[in-house]
Amino acid sequence: MPDHFISSYKKIEWAEKHIRDLQSLLSKFTRSDFYTVSVKAHPKQGTNFLCFNIRHFRFPVDDAALTIGDALHNLRSALDLMYYETVLACGGIPTDWTRFPICKTGEELAVRWAKSALKQKQVSCPVIGLILDTVKPYETGNPLLWSLHALNIRDKHQLLIPMVKFMGFAGIRLEDDKGRRIGKSAYTMDQTCAIRLRDANDRKVTIKNKGHAAMAILFDEGTPLQGESIIPALKRIAEVVTRTVEAFELLFP
């Protein structure tokens, strides 16, 4: 671990642990018996449908939401700890409001934060330049840092409840009464959770293996990064935070 900003790197490591915990939670759930598969026959039409009954309520939503919030909080804290130490290194005097600046727009960052920081002699011009020209912690300049900031604010007022999306099932094996294989081994889910078995007309279908699920948890509508898969997004945010801390290290060899 580098000598500079040790506290920040520890926060990043702790956030990465939470992300791994979230992965483990998701993997454990996908291996559990949370769904059933059945074949619904329509004798008059001679058709068969493969039907999935998913027990969404079994997913540990609260555990996932709390883990997501903890990961985001530690990543935001890593930036704040780094900035606090930067102020000290520049000979400034931190206050209760000292934190790494993340603004809605680049103009707000330059006009409100930069001028105030220079006036109060909290940081040096190289730090100002690094933040304004390289890190760009505002919505259009660095969307992931902005999302980290916005998600942390939201998590202070309500749990970040993830959306659960089932993308498909693999390893399924279906046979007719003569032991001949029917259908495919993998199916992509749609809203109906019922798939027509077009090669099973007028045949009796038996389920030999119900397979295993592939799923993801997504950021809910109305939140930053809405619709994005949460685990890959958290990993990208952690990478951006790490690169930001590394960039600040170069100012203090």
Protein backbone atom coordinates (compact mmCIF):
# COMPACT_ATOMS: atom_id res chain seq x y z
CA MET A 1 0.00 0.00 0.00
CA PRO A 2 1.44 3.46 -0.90
CA ASP A 3 2.61 5.70 1.97
CA HIS A 4 0.47 8.67 0.93
CA PHE A 5 -3.26 8.71 1.66
CA ILE A 6 -3.18 5.34 3.46
CA SER A 7 -6.59 6.00 5.00
CA SER A 8 -8.09 6.56 1.56
CA TYR A 9 -6.67 3.31 0.21
CA LYS A 10 -8.04 1.44 3.23
CA LYS A 11 -11.48 2.87 2.52
CA ILE A 12 -11.22 1.74 -1.10
CA GLU A 13 -10.18 -1.75 0.01
CA TRP A 14 -13.17 -1.89 2.37
CA ALA A 15 -15.48 -0.78 -0.42
CA GLU A 16 -14.08 -3.50 -2.66
CA LYS A 17 -14.80 -6.03 0.10
CA HIS A 18 -18.43 -4.88 0.14
CA ILE A 19 -18.58 -5.31 -3.64
CA ARG A 20 -17.26 -8.87 -3.29
CA ASP A 21 -19.84 -9.49 -0.56
CA LEU A 22 -22.53 -8.31 -2.95
CA GLN A 23 -21.23 -10.68 -5.62
CA SER A 24 -21.30 -13.56 -3.12
CA LEU A 25 -24.84 -12.70 -2.08
CA LEU A 26 -25.97 -12.72 -5.71
CA SER A 27 -24.14 -15.98 -6.49
CA LYS A 28 -25.60 -17.70 -3.43
CA PHE A 29 -29.09 -16.66 -4.42
CA THR A 30 -28.77 -17.85 -8.03
CA ARG A 31 -27.69 -21.26 -6.72
CA SER A 32 -30.68 -21.48 -4.38
CA ASP A 33 -34.02 -23.11 -5.09
CA PHE A 34 -35.92 -19.89 -5.79
CA TYR A 35 -37.76 -20.94 -8.95
CA THR A 36 -39.70 -23.83 -10.42
CA VAL A 37 -40.12 -24.94 -14.02
CA SER A 38 -43.19 -26.63 -15.42
CA VAL A 39 -44.66 -27.57 -18.79
CA LYS A 40 -48.16 -26.35 -19.54
CA ALA A 41 -49.85 -28.42 -22.24
CA HIS A 42 -52.79 -27.33 -24.41
CA PRO A 43 -54.14 -30.64 -25.78
CA LYS A 44 -56.69 -29.07 -28.12
CA GLN A 45 -54.03 -26.99 -29.84
CA GLY A 46 -51.37 -29.67 -29.40
CA THR A 47 -48.95 -27.09 -27.97
CA ASN A 48 -46.62 -27.03 -24.97
CA PHE A 49 -45.24 -24.06 -23.05
CA LEU A 50 -42.24 -24.02 -20.75
CA CYS A 51 -43.24 -21.93 -17.70
CA PHE A 52 -41.02 -20.35 -15.03
CA ASN A 53 -42.32 -19.46 -11.60
CA ILE A 54 -39.84 -17.14 -9.90
CA ARG A 55 -40.10 -16.39 -6.20
CA HIS A 56 -38.74 -12.84 -6.28
CA PHE A 57 -39.50 -12.32 -2.59
CA ARG A 58 -36.72 -14.69 -1.62
CA PHE A 59 -34.02 -12.30 -2.82
CA PRO A 60 -32.42 -10.57 0.22
CA VAL A 61 -33.20 -7.04 -0.94
CA ASP A 62 -32.38 -5.30 2.36
CA ASP A 63 -28.99 -7.00 2.65
CA ALA A 64 -28.17 -5.98 -0.91
CA ALA A 65 -29.30 -2.39 -0.37
CA LEU A 66 -27.25 -1.99 2.82
CA THR A 67 -24.15 -3.47 1.18
CA ILE A 68 -24.50 -1.16 -1.82
CA GLY A 69 -24.80 1.85 0.50
CA ASP A 70 -21.74 0.78 2.50
CA ALA A 71 -19.63 0.41 -0.65
CA LEU A 72 -20.64 3.85 -1.91
CA HIS A 73 -20.08 5.47 1.47
CA ASN A 74 -16.54 4.10 1.74
CA LEU A 75 -15.64 5.25 -1.77
CA ARG A 76 -16.91 8.77 -1.04
CA SER A 77 -15.03 8.75 2.27
CA ALA A 78 -11.82 7.78 0.46
CA LEU A 79 -12.03 11.02 -1.54
CA ASP A 80 -12.89 13.13 1.50
CA LEU A 81 -9.99 11.73 3.54
CA MET A 82 -7.62 12.36 0.65
CA TYR A 83 -8.77 15.96 0.29
CA TYR A 84 -8.51 16.58 4.05
CA GLU A 85 -4.89 15.43 3.99
CA THR A 86 -4.28 17.51 0.87
CA VAL A 87 -5.45 20.65 2.66
CA LEU A 88 -3.05 19.90 5.51
CA ALA A 89 -0.19 19.25 3.07
CA CYS A 90 -0.87 22.63 1.44
CA GLY A 91 -0.68 24.41 4.80
CA GLY A 92 -4.41 25.02 4.93
CA ILE A 93 -6.72 24.68 7.89
CA PRO A 94 -9.50 22.07 7.43
CA THR A 95 -12.98 22.86 8.72
CA ASP A 96 -16.07 20.78 9.46
CA TRP A 97 -17.08 21.41 5.83
CA THR A 98 -13.83 20.21 4.27
CA ARG A 99 -14.58 17.52 1.71
CA PHE A 100 -13.60 16.58 -1.81
CA PRO A 101 -15.51 18.86 -4.20
CA ILE A 102 -18.05 17.30 -6.54
CA CYS A 103 -20.43 19.70 -8.26
CA LYS A 104 -23.31 19.59 -10.70
CA THR A 105 -21.52 21.62 -13.38
CA GLY A 106 -17.99 22.61 -14.30
CA GLU A 107 -18.96 26.27 -13.91
CA GLU A 108 -20.11 25.68 -10.35
CA LEU A 109 -16.84 23.89 -9.58
CA ALA A 110 -14.70 26.69 -11.02
CA VAL A 111 -16.68 29.67 -9.78
CA ARG A 112 -17.87 28.56 -6.36
CA TRP A 113 -15.37 25.98 -5.15
CA ALA A 114 -12.08 27.00 -6.78
CA LYS A 115 -12.39 30.68 -5.93
CA SER A 116 -13.40 29.90 -2.37
CA ALA A 117 -10.57 27.40 -1.88
CA LEU A 118 -7.97 29.87 -3.13
CA LYS A 119 -9.41 32.74 -1.11
CA GLN A 120 -9.30 30.65 2.06
CA LYS A 121 -5.79 29.40 1.15
CA GLN A 122 -6.85 25.80 1.68
CA VAL A 123 -5.10 24.30 -1.33
CA SER A 124 -2.42 25.27 -3.84
CA CYS A 125 -2.81 26.16 -7.51
CA PRO A 126 -1.53 22.72 -8.68
CA VAL A 127 -4.34 21.07 -6.68
CA ILE A 128 -6.87 23.45 -8.21
CA GLY A 129 -5.55 22.66 -11.68
CA LEU A 130 -5.63 18.91 -11.10
CA ILE A 131 -9.25 19.01 -9.99
CA LEU A 132 -10.49 21.41 -12.67
CA ASP A 133 -8.50 20.10 -15.65
CA THR A 134 -7.91 16.39 -14.95
CA VAL A 135 -10.33 14.94 -12.42
CA LYS A 136 -13.30 17.12 -13.50
CA PRO A 137 -15.65 16.05 -10.69
CA TYR A 138 -18.93 17.26 -12.18
CA GLU A 139 -21.76 15.53 -14.01
CA THR A 140 -20.57 15.89 -17.62
CA GLY A 141 -16.85 15.86 -16.79
CA ASN A 142 -16.70 12.73 -14.65
CA PRO A 143 -20.10 10.99 -14.64
CA LEU A 144 -19.00 8.20 -12.30
CA LEU A 145 -17.76 10.56 -9.58
CA TRP A 146 -20.94 12.60 -9.95
CA SER A 147 -23.02 9.42 -9.64
CA LEU A 148 -21.05 8.43 -6.53
CA HIS A 149 -21.85 11.80 -4.99
CA ALA A 150 -25.55 11.74 -5.96
CA LEU A 151 -26.06 8.13 -4.85
CA ASN A 152 -24.50 8.86 -1.46
CA ILE A 153 -26.91 11.74 -0.94
CA ARG A 154 -29.85 9.54 -1.87
CA ASP A 155 -28.65 6.74 0.44
CA LYS A 156 -28.77 9.16 3.37
CA HIS A 157 -32.52 9.49 2.91
CA GLN A 158 -33.62 6.10 1.60
CA LEU A 159 -32.23 2.64 0.94
CA LEU A 160 -30.92 2.10 -2.59
CA ILE A 161 -33.25 -0.79 -3.37
CA PRO A 162 -31.93 -2.69 -6.40
CA MET A 163 -34.09 -3.99 -9.22
CA VAL A 164 -33.73 -7.74 -9.75
CA LYS A 165 -33.58 -8.82 -13.39
CA PHE A 166 -33.63 -12.45 -14.50
CA MET A 167 -31.90 -12.63 -17.86
CA GLY A 168 -32.25 -16.30 -18.60
CA PHE A 169 -31.86 -19.93 -17.64
CA ALA A 170 -29.25 -22.40 -18.86
CA GLY A 171 -28.62 -26.12 -18.46
CA ILE A 172 -32.26 -27.05 -18.98
CA ARG A 173 -33.02 -30.52 -20.33
CA LEU A 174 -36.42 -31.55 -21.68
CA GLU A 175 -37.38 -34.93 -23.15
CA ASP A 176 -40.43 -36.53 -24.70
CA ASP A 177 -41.84 -39.90 -23.64
CA LYS A 178 -39.35 -41.67 -25.91
CA GLY A 179 -36.33 -40.00 -24.32
CA ARG A 180 -35.71 -37.66 -27.25
CA ARG A 181 -34.46 -34.19 -26.39
CA ILE A 182 -36.84 -31.27 -26.85
CA GLY A 183 -36.17 -27.58 -27.12
CA LYS A 184 -32.95 -25.83 -26.15
CA SER A 185 -30.73 -25.90 -23.08
CA ALA A 186 -30.86 -22.11 -22.58
CA TYR A 187 -33.73 -19.66 -22.67
CA THR A 188 -33.84 -15.88 -22.52
CA MET A 189 -36.56 -14.52 -20.31
CA ASP A 190 -39.39 -12.24 -21.36
CA GLN A 191 -42.24 -10.63 -19.42
CA THR A 192 -44.53 -13.65 -19.74
CA CYS A 193 -42.15 -16.23 -18.18
CA ALA A 194 -43.74 -18.72 -20.62
CA ILE A 195 -41.96 -19.96 -23.75
CA ARG A 196 -43.59 -21.94 -26.55
CA LEU A 197 -41.84 -25.24 -27.25
CA ARG A 198 -42.31 -25.27 -31.00
CA ASP A 199 -40.68 -28.67 -31.52
CA ALA A 200 -42.93 -30.33 -28.91
CA ASN A 201 -46.32 -30.19 -30.65
CA ASP A 202 -48.52 -33.19 -29.79
CA ARG A 203 -45.82 -34.65 -27.53
CA LYS A 204 -45.61 -35.24 -23.81
CA VAL A 205 -42.74 -33.28 -22.30
CA THR A 206 -40.81 -34.20 -19.17
CA ILE A 207 -38.38 -31.91 -17.35
CA LYS A 208 -35.14 -33.78 -16.62
CA ASN A 209 -33.12 -30.78 -15.42
CA LYS A 210 -34.47 -27.32 -14.59
CA GLY A 211 -31.04 -25.73 -15.10
CA HIS A 212 -29.69 -22.65 -13.37
CA ALA A 213 -30.47 -18.94 -13.51
CA ALA A 214 -28.51 -15.95 -14.77
CA MET A 215 -29.51 -12.68 -13.13
CA ALA A 216 -28.36 -9.17 -12.33
CA ILE A 217 -29.28 -6.42 -9.91
CA LEU A 218 -29.77 -3.00 -11.46
CA PHE A 219 -29.96 0.57 -10.20
CA ASP A 220 -33.63 1.50 -9.94
CA GLU A 221 -35.39 4.04 -12.13
CA GLY A 222 -34.97 7.63 -11.02
CA THR A 223 -31.50 7.07 -9.58
CA PRO A 224 -28.13 7.95 -11.09
CA LEU A 225 -26.95 5.08 -13.32
CA GLN A 226 -30.54 3.83 -13.55
CA GLY A 227 -30.84 0.53 -15.39
CA GLU A 228 -27.12 -0.24 -15.10
CA SER A 229 -25.91 -3.46 -13.51
CA ILE A 230 -24.86 -2.50 -10.00
CA ILE A 231 -21.79 -4.67 -9.43
CA PRO A 232 -19.91 -3.66 -12.62
CA ALA A 233 -20.87 -0.02 -11.97
CA LEU A 234 -19.50 -0.12 -8.42
CA LYS A 235 -16.27 -1.63 -9.73
CA ARG A 236 -15.93 1.20 -12.26
CA ILE A 237 -16.55 3.80 -9.58
CA ALA A 238 -13.89 2.17 -7.36
CA GLU A 239 -11.42 2.31 -10.25
CA VAL A 240 -12.10 6.03 -10.81
CA VAL A 241 -11.69 6.79 -7.12
CA THR A 242 -8.41 4.85 -7.05
CA ARG A 243 -7.08 6.74 -10.09
CA THR A 244 -8.07 10.03 -8.45
CA VAL A 245 -6.15 9.24 -5.27
CA GLU A 246 -3.16 8.11 -7.33
CA ALA A 247 -3.23 11.39 -9.27
CA PHE A 248 -3.14 13.36 -6.02
CA GLU A 249 -0.19 11.27 -4.83
CA LEU A 250 1.87 12.59 -7.72
CA LEU A 251 1.52 16.12 -6.32
CA PHE A 252 3.24 15.11 -3.09
CA PRO A 253 6.29 13.00 -3.98
